Amino acid sequence: MNLRAAALALGAALFAGGTPAQPPPAPPPPATLSPGDALLVRIQGMGGGIPEYREVVDSEGCIEIPFVGFLTAAGRTPADVADGMRTAYAAAGLASNAEIRLTYVTHFDPPPARTNLVRIQDPRQPVSP
């Protein structure tokens, strides 16, 4: 079998299945967050603005709030965590009326330790599609 025939056979095998498989649906968000939960964070209403970024509830139950520090997230609802973030930004004088939206993405088991969570992307940089 020559190279062209092999490529055609491979192409036919790849496309013979019909429609491509759809990705699995997103998991439903939990009632309360727990260590290992991954979130997509969107913050608006701050001076320079922060593009959306990813955050994981670490093994201690905390998330990192850019420019402020850490906030306990485990055992709290996403809405309660967003309120806590809003309060922390107001207390730090960074935003008096920040709009914060948290979207549940997935859960990691075991939950990562904070020392193993290396932010490879500056939270001020946009999330790549």
C-alpha atoms as a PDB file:
ATOM      1  CA  MET A   1       0.000   0.000   0.000  1.00  0.00           C
ATOM      2  CA  ASN A   2       1.462   3.328  -0.984  1.00  0.00           C
ATOM      3  CA  LEU A   3       1.503   6.434   1.200  1.00  0.00           C
ATOM      4  CA  ARG A   4      -1.448   8.088  -0.556  1.00  0.00           C
ATOM      5  CA  ALA A   5      -3.647   5.023  -0.178  1.00  0.00           C
ATOM      6  CA  ALA A   6      -2.708   4.744   3.508  1.00  0.00           C
ATOM      7  CA  ALA A   7      -3.608   8.416   4.088  1.00  0.00           C
ATOM      8  CA  LEU A   8      -6.969   7.963   2.335  1.00  0.00           C
ATOM      9  CA  ALA A   9      -7.716   4.853   4.386  1.00  0.00           C
ATOM     10  CA  LEU A  10      -6.861   6.677   7.610  1.00  0.00           C
ATOM     11  CA  GLY A  11      -9.025   9.651   6.631  1.00  0.00           C
ATOM     12  CA  ALA A  12     -11.947   7.388   5.782  1.00  0.00           C
ATOM     13  CA  ALA A  13     -11.591   5.586   9.120  1.00  0.00           C
ATOM     14  CA  LEU A  14     -11.527   8.860  11.045  1.00  0.00           C
ATOM     15  CA  PHE A  15     -14.605  10.269   9.329  1.00  0.00           C
ATOM     16  CA  ALA A  16     -16.607   7.048   9.098  1.00  0.00           C
ATOM     17  CA  GLY A  17     -18.151   7.548  12.527  1.00  0.00           C
ATOM     18  CA  GLY A  18     -20.572  10.239  11.341  1.00  0.00           C
ATOM     19  CA  THR A  19     -20.961  13.260  13.573  1.00  0.00           C
ATOM     20  CA  PRO A  20     -18.126  14.015  15.949  1.00  0.00           C
ATOM     21  CA  ALA A  21     -18.611  13.161  19.602  1.00  0.00           C
ATOM     22  CA  GLN A  22     -19.875  16.027  21.720  1.00  0.00           C
ATOM     23  CA  PRO A  23     -17.946  16.974  24.857  1.00  0.00           C
ATOM     24  CA  PRO A  24     -19.553  15.824  28.083  1.00  0.00           C
ATOM     25  CA  PRO A  25     -21.884  18.349  29.696  1.00  0.00           C
ATOM     26  CA  ALA A  26     -20.498  20.587  32.418  1.00  0.00           C
ATOM     27  CA  PRO A  27     -20.992  19.170  35.900  1.00  0.00           C
ATOM     28  CA  PRO A  28     -23.682  20.817  38.005  1.00  0.00           C
ATOM     29  CA  PRO A  29     -22.351  23.299  40.547  1.00  0.00           C
ATOM     30  CA  PRO A  30     -22.324  22.103  44.142  1.00  0.00           C
ATOM     31  CA  ALA A  31     -24.492  23.780  46.780  1.00  0.00           C
ATOM     32  CA  THR A  32     -21.323  24.707  48.678  1.00  0.00           C
ATOM     33  CA  LEU A  33     -17.717  24.757  47.530  1.00  0.00           C
ATOM     34  CA  SER A  34     -15.156  22.265  48.769  1.00  0.00           C
ATOM     35  CA  PRO A  35     -11.400  21.801  48.396  1.00  0.00           C
ATOM     36  CA  GLY A  36     -10.629  20.852  44.798  1.00  0.00           C
ATOM     37  CA  ASP A  37     -13.434  22.851  43.174  1.00  0.00           C
ATOM     38  CA  ALA A  38     -12.266  24.836  40.145  1.00  0.00           C
ATOM     39  CA  LEU A  39     -13.865  28.159  39.260  1.00  0.00           C
ATOM     40  CA  LEU A  40     -13.800  30.680  36.444  1.00  0.00           C
ATOM     41  CA  VAL A  41     -13.705  34.140  38.043  1.00  0.00           C
ATOM     42  CA  ARG A  42     -14.891  37.330  36.361  1.00  0.00           C
ATOM     43  CA  ILE A  43     -14.330  40.658  38.136  1.00  0.00           C
ATOM     44  CA  GLN A  44     -15.602  43.949  36.754  1.00  0.00           C
ATOM     45  CA  GLY A  45     -15.737  47.428  38.210  1.00  0.00           C
ATOM     46  CA  MET A  46     -12.126  47.677  39.332  1.00  0.00           C
ATOM     47  CA  GLY A  47      -9.923  50.554  38.191  1.00  0.00           C
ATOM     48  CA  GLY A  48      -7.717  48.802  35.642  1.00  0.00           C
ATOM     49  CA  GLY A  49      -9.956  45.762  35.341  1.00  0.00           C
ATOM     50  CA  ILE A  50      -9.023  42.113  35.677  1.00  0.00           C
ATOM     51  CA  PRO A  51      -9.820  39.735  32.807  1.00  0.00           C
ATOM     52  CA  GLU A  52     -11.408  36.426  33.758  1.00  0.00           C
ATOM     53  CA  TYR A  53      -9.109  33.880  35.329  1.00  0.00           C
ATOM     54  CA  ARG A  54      -9.176  30.390  36.800  1.00  0.00           C
ATOM     55  CA  GLU A  55      -8.994  29.632  40.523  1.00  0.00           C
ATOM     56  CA  VAL A  56      -9.013  26.370  42.502  1.00  0.00           C
ATOM     57  CA  VAL A  57     -10.147  25.936  46.098  1.00  0.00           C
ATOM     58  CA  ASP A  58      -6.945  24.587  47.660  1.00  0.00           C
ATOM     59  CA  SER A  59      -6.615  21.728  50.158  1.00  0.00           C
ATOM     60  CA  GLU A  60      -6.972  24.244  53.014  1.00  0.00           C
ATOM     61  CA  GLY A  61     -10.295  25.457  51.556  1.00  0.00           C
ATOM     62  CA  CYS A  62      -9.031  28.858  50.359  1.00  0.00           C
ATOM     63  CA  ILE A  63      -8.888  30.777  47.102  1.00  0.00           C
ATOM     64  CA  GLU A  64      -6.490  33.565  46.193  1.00  0.00           C
ATOM     65  CA  ILE A  65      -7.952  37.002  45.544  1.00  0.00           C
ATOM     66  CA  PRO A  66      -5.696  39.018  43.214  1.00  0.00           C
ATOM     67  CA  PHE A  67      -4.094  42.030  44.913  1.00  0.00           C
ATOM     68  CA  VAL A  68      -5.767  41.226  48.275  1.00  0.00           C
ATOM     69  CA  GLY A  69      -4.803  37.808  49.652  1.00  0.00           C
ATOM     70  CA  PHE A  70      -6.726  34.672  50.528  1.00  0.00           C
ATOM     71  CA  LEU A  71     -10.371  33.977  51.302  1.00  0.00           C
ATOM     72  CA  THR A  72     -11.930  30.852  52.786  1.00  0.00           C
ATOM     73  CA  ALA A  73     -14.233  29.339  50.174  1.00  0.00           C
ATOM     74  CA  ALA A  74     -14.876  25.796  51.425  1.00  0.00           C
ATOM     75  CA  GLY A  75     -18.321  25.370  52.972  1.00  0.00           C
ATOM     76  CA  ARG A  76     -19.628  28.560  51.362  1.00  0.00           C
ATOM     77  CA  THR A  77     -21.890  29.023  48.365  1.00  0.00           C
ATOM     78  CA  PRO A  78     -20.388  30.592  45.234  1.00  0.00           C
ATOM     79  CA  ALA A  79     -22.630  33.645  45.806  1.00  0.00           C
ATOM     80  CA  ASP A  80     -21.339  33.993  49.380  1.00  0.00           C
ATOM     81  CA  VAL A  81     -17.728  33.745  48.160  1.00  0.00           C
ATOM     82  CA  ALA A  82     -18.412  36.427  45.528  1.00  0.00           C
ATOM     83  CA  ASP A  83     -19.850  38.654  48.288  1.00  0.00           C
ATOM     84  CA  GLY A  84     -16.734  38.015  50.393  1.00  0.00           C
ATOM     85  CA  MET A  85     -14.512  38.969  47.467  1.00  0.00           C
ATOM     86  CA  ARG A  86     -16.529  42.140  46.880  1.00  0.00           C
ATOM     87  CA  THR A  87     -16.205  43.045  50.587  1.00  0.00           C
ATOM     88  CA  ALA A  88     -12.437  42.361  50.550  1.00  0.00           C
ATOM     89  CA  TYR A  89     -11.912  44.616  47.520  1.00  0.00           C
ATOM     90  CA  ALA A  90     -13.974  47.384  49.149  1.00  0.00           C
ATOM     91  CA  ALA A  91     -12.057  47.055  52.451  1.00  0.00           C
ATOM     92  CA  ALA A  92      -8.740  47.258  50.577  1.00  0.00           C
ATOM     93  CA  GLY A  93      -9.926  50.410  48.790  1.00  0.00           C
ATOM     94  CA  LEU A  94      -9.557  48.760  45.380  1.00  0.00           C
ATOM     95  CA  ALA A  95     -13.209  48.753  44.312  1.00  0.00           C
ATOM     96  CA  SER A  96     -16.268  50.076  46.085  1.00  0.00           C
ATOM     97  CA  ASN A  97     -18.733  48.265  43.842  1.00  0.00           C
ATOM     98  CA  ALA A  98     -16.968  45.356  42.108  1.00  0.00           C
ATOM     99  CA  GLU A  99     -19.143  42.956  40.148  1.00  0.00           C
ATOM    100  CA  ILE A 100     -17.926  39.396  40.681  1.00  0.00           C
ATOM    101  CA  ARG A 101     -19.194  36.276  38.946  1.00  0.00           C
ATOM    102  CA  LEU A 102     -17.987  32.782  39.807  1.00  0.00           C
ATOM    103  CA  THR A 103     -18.688  29.880  37.460  1.00  0.00           C
ATOM    104  CA  TYR A 104     -18.115  26.319  38.643  1.00  0.00           C
ATOM    105  CA  VAL A 105     -15.926  24.382  36.200  1.00  0.00           C
ATOM    106  CA  THR A 106     -14.957  21.010  37.697  1.00  0.00           C
ATOM    107  CA  HIS A 107     -13.611  19.245  40.782  1.00  0.00           C
ATOM    108  CA  PHE A 108     -10.078  17.931  41.350  1.00  0.00           C
ATOM    109  CA  ASP A 109      -9.592  14.954  43.651  1.00  0.00           C
ATOM    110  CA  PRO A 110      -7.388  15.045  45.627  1.00  0.00           C
ATOM    111  CA  PRO A 111      -7.527  18.810  46.095  1.00  0.00           C
ATOM    112  CA  PRO A 112      -4.213  20.551  45.393  1.00  0.00           C
ATOM    113  CA  ALA A 113      -2.120  22.149  48.102  1.00  0.00           C
ATOM    114  CA  ARG A 114      -1.579  25.890  47.639  1.00  0.00           C
ATOM    115  CA  THR A 115       2.163  25.301  47.204  1.00  0.00           C
ATOM    116  CA  ASN A 116       1.353  23.132  44.170  1.00  0.00           C
ATOM    117  CA  LEU A 117      -0.922  25.743  42.619  1.00  0.00           C
ATOM    118  CA  VAL A 118       1.394  27.802  40.476  1.00  0.00           C
ATOM    119  CA  ARG A 119      -0.351  30.638  38.707  1.00  0.00           C
ATOM    120  CA  ILE A 120       1.201  30.298  35.273  1.00  0.00           C
ATOM    121  CA  GLN A 121      -0.996  33.046  33.960  1.00  0.00           C
ATOM    122  CA  ASP A 122      -1.128  36.558  35.349  1.00  0.00           C
ATOM    123  CA  PRO A 123      -4.774  37.146  36.403  1.00  0.00           C
ATOM    124  CA  ARG A 124      -4.635  40.486  34.589  1.00  0.00           C
ATOM    125  CA  GLN A 125      -4.098  38.697  31.258  1.00  0.00           C
ATOM    126  CA  PRO A 126      -7.104  37.364  29.279  1.00  0.00           C
ATOM    127  CA  VAL A 127      -7.937  33.671  29.322  1.00  0.00           C
ATOM    128  CA  SER A 128      -7.045  32.068  25.997  1.00  0.00           C
ATOM    129  CA  PRO A 129     -10.005  30.387  24.267  1.00  0.00           C
END
